C-alpha atoms as a PDB file:
ATOM      1  CA  UNK A   1     -38.609 -66.801 -97.770  1.00  0.00           C
ATOM      2  CA  UNK A   2     -35.120 -67.881 -98.739  1.00  0.00           C
ATOM      3  CA  UNK A   3     -34.263 -68.077-102.420  1.00  0.00           C
ATOM      4  CA  UNK A   4     -31.878 -70.771-103.627  1.00  0.00           C
ATOM      5  CA  UNK A   5     -30.196 -70.400-107.003  1.00  0.00           C
ATOM      6  CA  UNK A   6     -28.281 -73.071-108.923  1.00  0.00           C
ATOM      7  CA  UNK A   7     -24.859 -72.210-110.313  1.00  0.00           C
ATOM      8  CA  UNK A   8     -25.059 -69.440-112.885  1.00  0.00           C
ATOM      9  CA  UNK A   9     -24.369 -70.127-116.553  1.00  0.00           C
ATOM     10  CA  UNK A  10     -21.807 -67.884-118.269  1.00  0.00           C
ATOM     11  CA  UNK A  11     -24.416 -65.435-119.566  1.00  0.00           C
ATOM     12  CA  UNK A  12     -26.705 -65.400-116.503  1.00  0.00           C
ATOM     13  CA  UNK A  13     -26.967 -62.669-113.901  1.00  0.00           C
ATOM     14  CA  UNK A  14     -28.988 -61.923-110.796  1.00  0.00           C
ATOM     15  CA  UNK A  15     -30.097 -58.308-110.385  1.00  0.00           C
ATOM     16  CA  UNK A  16     -30.579 -57.193-106.794  1.00  0.00           C
ATOM     17  CA  UNK A  17     -33.356 -54.895-105.607  1.00  0.00           C
ATOM     18  CA  UNK A  18     -31.002 -51.986-106.213  1.00  0.00           C
ATOM     19  CA  UNK A  19     -30.887 -52.164-110.014  1.00  0.00           C
ATOM     20  CA  UNK A  20     -27.313 -50.863-110.024  1.00  0.00           C
ATOM     21  CA  UNK A  21     -26.033 -54.136-108.496  1.00  0.00           C
ATOM     22  CA  UNK A  22     -25.780 -57.553-110.115  1.00  0.00           C
ATOM     23  CA  UNK A  23     -24.175 -60.930-109.510  1.00  0.00           C
ATOM     24  CA  UNK A  24     -22.717 -62.798-112.470  1.00  0.00           C
ATOM     25  CA  UNK A  25     -20.907 -66.063-113.089  1.00  0.00           C
ATOM     26  CA  UNK A  26     -17.117 -65.854-112.971  1.00  0.00           C
ATOM     27  CA  UNK A  27     -14.436 -68.260-114.190  1.00  0.00           C
ATOM     28  CA  UNK A  28     -12.961 -70.712-111.686  1.00  0.00           C
ATOM     29  CA  UNK A  29     -10.953 -73.899-111.863  1.00  0.00           C
ATOM     30  CA  UNK A  30     -12.538 -77.248-112.738  1.00  0.00           C
ATOM     31  CA  UNK A  31     -15.204 -78.313-110.242  1.00  0.00           C
ATOM     32  CA  UNK A  32     -15.277 -74.923-108.475  1.00  0.00           C
ATOM     33  CA  UNK A  33     -17.878 -72.188-108.592  1.00  0.00           C
ATOM     34  CA  UNK A  34     -17.141 -68.462-108.715  1.00  0.00           C
ATOM     35  CA  UNK A  35     -19.280 -65.328-108.783  1.00  0.00           C
ATOM     36  CA  UNK A  36     -18.533 -61.688-109.467  1.00  0.00           C
ATOM     37  CA  UNK A  37     -20.376 -58.639-108.106  1.00  0.00           C
ATOM     38  CA  UNK A  38     -20.863 -55.559-110.246  1.00  0.00           C
ATOM     39  CA  UNK A  39     -22.042 -52.029-109.507  1.00  0.00           C
ATOM     40  CA  UNK A  40     -23.212 -50.120-112.582  1.00  0.00           C
ATOM     41  CA  UNK A  41     -21.385 -52.695-114.740  1.00  0.00           C
ATOM     42  CA  UNK A  42     -18.091 -52.047-112.932  1.00  0.00           C
ATOM     43  CA  UNK A  43     -16.423 -55.008-111.260  1.00  0.00           C
ATOM     44  CA  UNK A  44     -16.500 -54.851-107.427  1.00  0.00           C
ATOM     45  CA  UNK A  45     -15.576 -58.281-106.066  1.00  0.00           C
ATOM     46  CA  UNK A  46     -15.140 -61.945-106.932  1.00  0.00           C
ATOM     47  CA  UNK A  47     -15.724 -64.971-104.718  1.00  0.00           C
ATOM     48  CA  UNK A  48     -14.313 -68.378-105.546  1.00  0.00           C
ATOM     49  CA  UNK A  49     -15.286 -71.657-103.938  1.00  0.00           C
ATOM     50  CA  UNK A  50     -12.420 -72.803-101.725  1.00  0.00           C
ATOM     51  CA  UNK A  51     -11.936 -75.486 -99.069  1.00  0.00           C
ATOM     52  CA  UNK A  52     -10.099 -72.951 -96.885  1.00  0.00           C
ATOM     53  CA  UNK A  53     -12.330 -71.162 -94.371  1.00  0.00           C
ATOM     54  CA  UNK A  54     -12.025 -67.417 -94.956  1.00  0.00           C
ATOM     55  CA  UNK A  55     -14.910 -66.154 -92.842  1.00  0.00           C
ATOM     56  CA  UNK A  56     -18.594 -66.058 -93.704  1.00  0.00           C
ATOM     57  CA  UNK A  57     -18.909 -62.401 -94.679  1.00  0.00           C
ATOM     58  CA  UNK A  58     -16.847 -61.237 -97.624  1.00  0.00           C
ATOM     59  CA  UNK A  59     -18.089 -57.629 -97.568  1.00  0.00           C
ATOM     60  CA  UNK A  60     -21.038 -55.284 -97.087  1.00  0.00           C
ATOM     61  CA  UNK A  61     -21.901 -51.991 -98.798  1.00  0.00           C
ATOM     62  CA  UNK A  62     -24.308 -49.081 -98.455  1.00  0.00           C
ATOM     63  CA  UNK A  63     -26.233 -47.693-101.385  1.00  0.00           C
ATOM     64  CA  UNK A  64     -29.661 -46.616-102.518  1.00  0.00           C
ATOM     65  CA  UNK A  65     -32.512 -48.836-103.566  1.00  0.00           C
ATOM     66  CA  UNK A  66     -34.743 -48.373-106.611  1.00  0.00           C
ATOM     67  CA  UNK A  67     -36.844 -45.826-104.710  1.00  0.00           C
ATOM     68  CA  UNK A  68     -33.780 -43.749-103.782  1.00  0.00           C
ATOM     69  CA  UNK A  69     -33.985 -44.817-100.130  1.00  0.00           C
ATOM     70  CA  UNK A  70     -30.946 -46.083 -98.166  1.00  0.00           C
ATOM     71  CA  UNK A  71     -30.125 -49.738 -98.671  1.00  0.00           C
ATOM     72  CA  UNK A  72     -27.431 -52.106 -97.357  1.00  0.00           C
ATOM     73  CA  UNK A  73     -26.246 -55.403 -98.795  1.00  0.00           C
ATOM     74  CA  UNK A  74     -23.839 -58.131 -97.682  1.00  0.00           C
ATOM     75  CA  UNK A  75     -22.358 -61.228 -99.293  1.00  0.00           C
ATOM     76  CA  UNK A  76     -20.069 -64.114 -98.498  1.00  0.00           C
ATOM     77  CA  UNK A  77     -19.409 -67.845 -98.525  1.00  0.00           C
ATOM     78  CA  UNK A  78     -21.258 -70.545 -96.623  1.00  0.00           C
ATOM     79  CA  UNK A  79     -19.127 -72.431 -94.090  1.00  0.00           C
ATOM     80  CA  UNK A  80     -18.459 -76.054 -95.083  1.00  0.00           C
ATOM     81  CA  UNK A  81     -21.506 -78.182 -94.423  1.00  0.00           C
ATOM     82  CA  UNK A  82     -23.809 -75.220 -93.702  1.00  0.00           C
ATOM     83  CA  UNK A  83     -26.999 -74.792 -95.705  1.00  0.00           C
ATOM     84  CA  UNK A  84     -27.322 -71.118 -94.833  1.00  0.00           C
ATOM     85  CA  UNK A  85     -26.242 -68.404 -92.403  1.00  0.00           C
ATOM     86  CA  UNK A  86     -28.268 -66.097 -90.177  1.00  0.00           C
ATOM     87  CA  UNK A  87     -27.622 -62.439 -91.002  1.00  0.00           C
ATOM     88  CA  UNK A  88     -28.469 -59.366 -88.943  1.00  0.00           C
ATOM     89  CA  UNK A  89     -28.032 -55.742 -89.992  1.00  0.00           C
ATOM     90  CA  UNK A  90     -27.635 -53.381 -87.024  1.00  0.00           C
ATOM     91  CA  UNK A  91     -27.935 -49.594 -87.078  1.00  0.00           C
ATOM     92  CA  UNK A  92     -27.555 -46.799 -84.596  1.00  0.00           C
ATOM     93  CA  UNK A  93     -29.995 -46.728 -81.723  1.00  0.00           C
ATOM     94  CA  UNK A  94     -30.160 -50.537 -81.659  1.00  0.00           C
ATOM     95  CA  UNK A  95     -32.276 -50.749 -84.793  1.00  0.00           C
ATOM     96  CA  UNK A  96     -31.827 -54.084 -86.483  1.00  0.00           C
ATOM     97  CA  UNK A  97     -33.095 -56.083 -89.409  1.00  0.00           C
ATOM     98  CA  UNK A  98     -32.712 -59.859 -89.733  1.00  0.00           C
ATOM     99  CA  UNK A  99     -32.697 -61.421 -93.166  1.00  0.00           C
ATOM    100  CA  UNK A 100     -32.763 -64.867 -94.662  1.00  0.00           C
ATOM    101  CA  UNK A 101     -29.990 -64.746 -97.271  1.00  0.00           C
ATOM    102  CA  UNK A 102     -30.334 -66.108-100.762  1.00  0.00           C
ATOM    103  CA  UNK A 103     -27.991 -69.021-101.466  1.00  0.00           C
ATOM    104  CA  UNK A 104     -26.218 -69.418-104.801  1.00  0.00           C
ATOM    105  CA  UNK A 105     -24.743 -72.740-106.012  1.00  0.00           C
ATOM    106  CA  UNK A 106     -24.900 -74.051-102.402  1.00  0.00           C
ATOM    107  CA  UNK A 107     -21.633 -72.135-101.844  1.00  0.00           C
ATOM    108  CA  UNK A 108     -22.307 -68.379-101.687  1.00  0.00           C
ATOM    109  CA  UNK A 109     -24.917 -66.223 -99.982  1.00  0.00           C
ATOM    110  CA  UNK A 110     -26.108 -62.654-100.430  1.00  0.00           C
ATOM    111  CA  UNK A 111     -28.723 -60.520 -98.763  1.00  0.00           C
ATOM    112  CA  UNK A 112     -29.973 -56.961 -98.636  1.00  0.00           C
ATOM    113  CA  UNK A 113     -31.953 -54.790 -96.244  1.00  0.00           C
ATOM    114  CA  UNK A 114     -33.761 -51.474 -96.553  1.00  0.00           C
ATOM    115  CA  UNK A 115     -31.980 -48.788 -94.523  1.00  0.00           C
ATOM    116  CA  UNK A 116     -28.466 -47.665 -93.706  1.00  0.00           C
ATOM    117  CA  UNK A 117     -26.891 -50.080 -91.250  1.00  0.00           C
ATOM    118  CA  UNK A 118     -23.522 -49.789 -89.553  1.00  0.00           C
ATOM    119  CA  UNK A 119     -22.814 -53.423 -88.746  1.00  0.00           C
ATOM    120  CA  UNK A 120     -23.563 -56.762 -90.374  1.00  0.00           C
ATOM    121  CA  UNK A 121     -23.197 -60.009 -88.465  1.00  0.00           C
ATOM    122  CA  UNK A 122     -23.491 -63.553 -89.793  1.00  0.00           C
ATOM    123  CA  UNK A 123     -23.663 -66.724 -87.757  1.00  0.00           C
ATOM    124  CA  UNK A 124     -23.841 -70.430 -88.446  1.00  0.00           C
ATOM    125  CA  UNK A 125     -23.600 -72.886 -85.574  1.00  0.00           C
ATOM    126  CA  UNK A 126     -20.606 -71.854 -83.435  1.00  0.00           C
ATOM    127  CA  UNK A 127     -19.187 -69.532 -86.122  1.00  0.00           C
ATOM    128  CA  UNK A 128     -19.796 -65.781 -86.082  1.00  0.00           C
ATOM    129  CA  UNK A 129     -18.455 -63.024 -88.337  1.00  0.00           C
ATOM    130  CA  UNK A 130     -18.979 -59.227 -88.191  1.00  0.00           C
ATOM    131  CA  UNK A 131     -18.150 -56.416 -90.655  1.00  0.00           C
ATOM    132  CA  UNK A 132     -18.862 -52.714 -91.058  1.00  0.00           C
ATOM    133  CA  UNK A 133     -20.335 -51.825 -94.463  1.00  0.00           C
ATOM    134  CA  UNK A 134     -18.248 -49.577 -96.700  1.00  0.00           C
END
């Protein structure tokens, strides 16, 4: 089931299933949302709402989940007018895992999957984006 979050207040954060990762509110210009991703309280990335299309997937990373097992996450921006994106994690040997990303402030999305995957693809209508997790 997809989770939808409103914009985060300055002191709010979302902790992912890997407890080392969190999403926090970031400062943006008037009328724009921004989020920052942290790993072990170290800044990793920031996404700012923009009218310029910059692709659906911002990035994807490998890590370990709370049980020490491999884990992969991805995040990005929704295309204008899209309510969500379809995300698929693909591994070696044609293993795959589809997820329903969580949506934040109707602008950003993030999702995670158990396992180590080597490709993440996102699609929405005619748009498609692919990255390799770092």
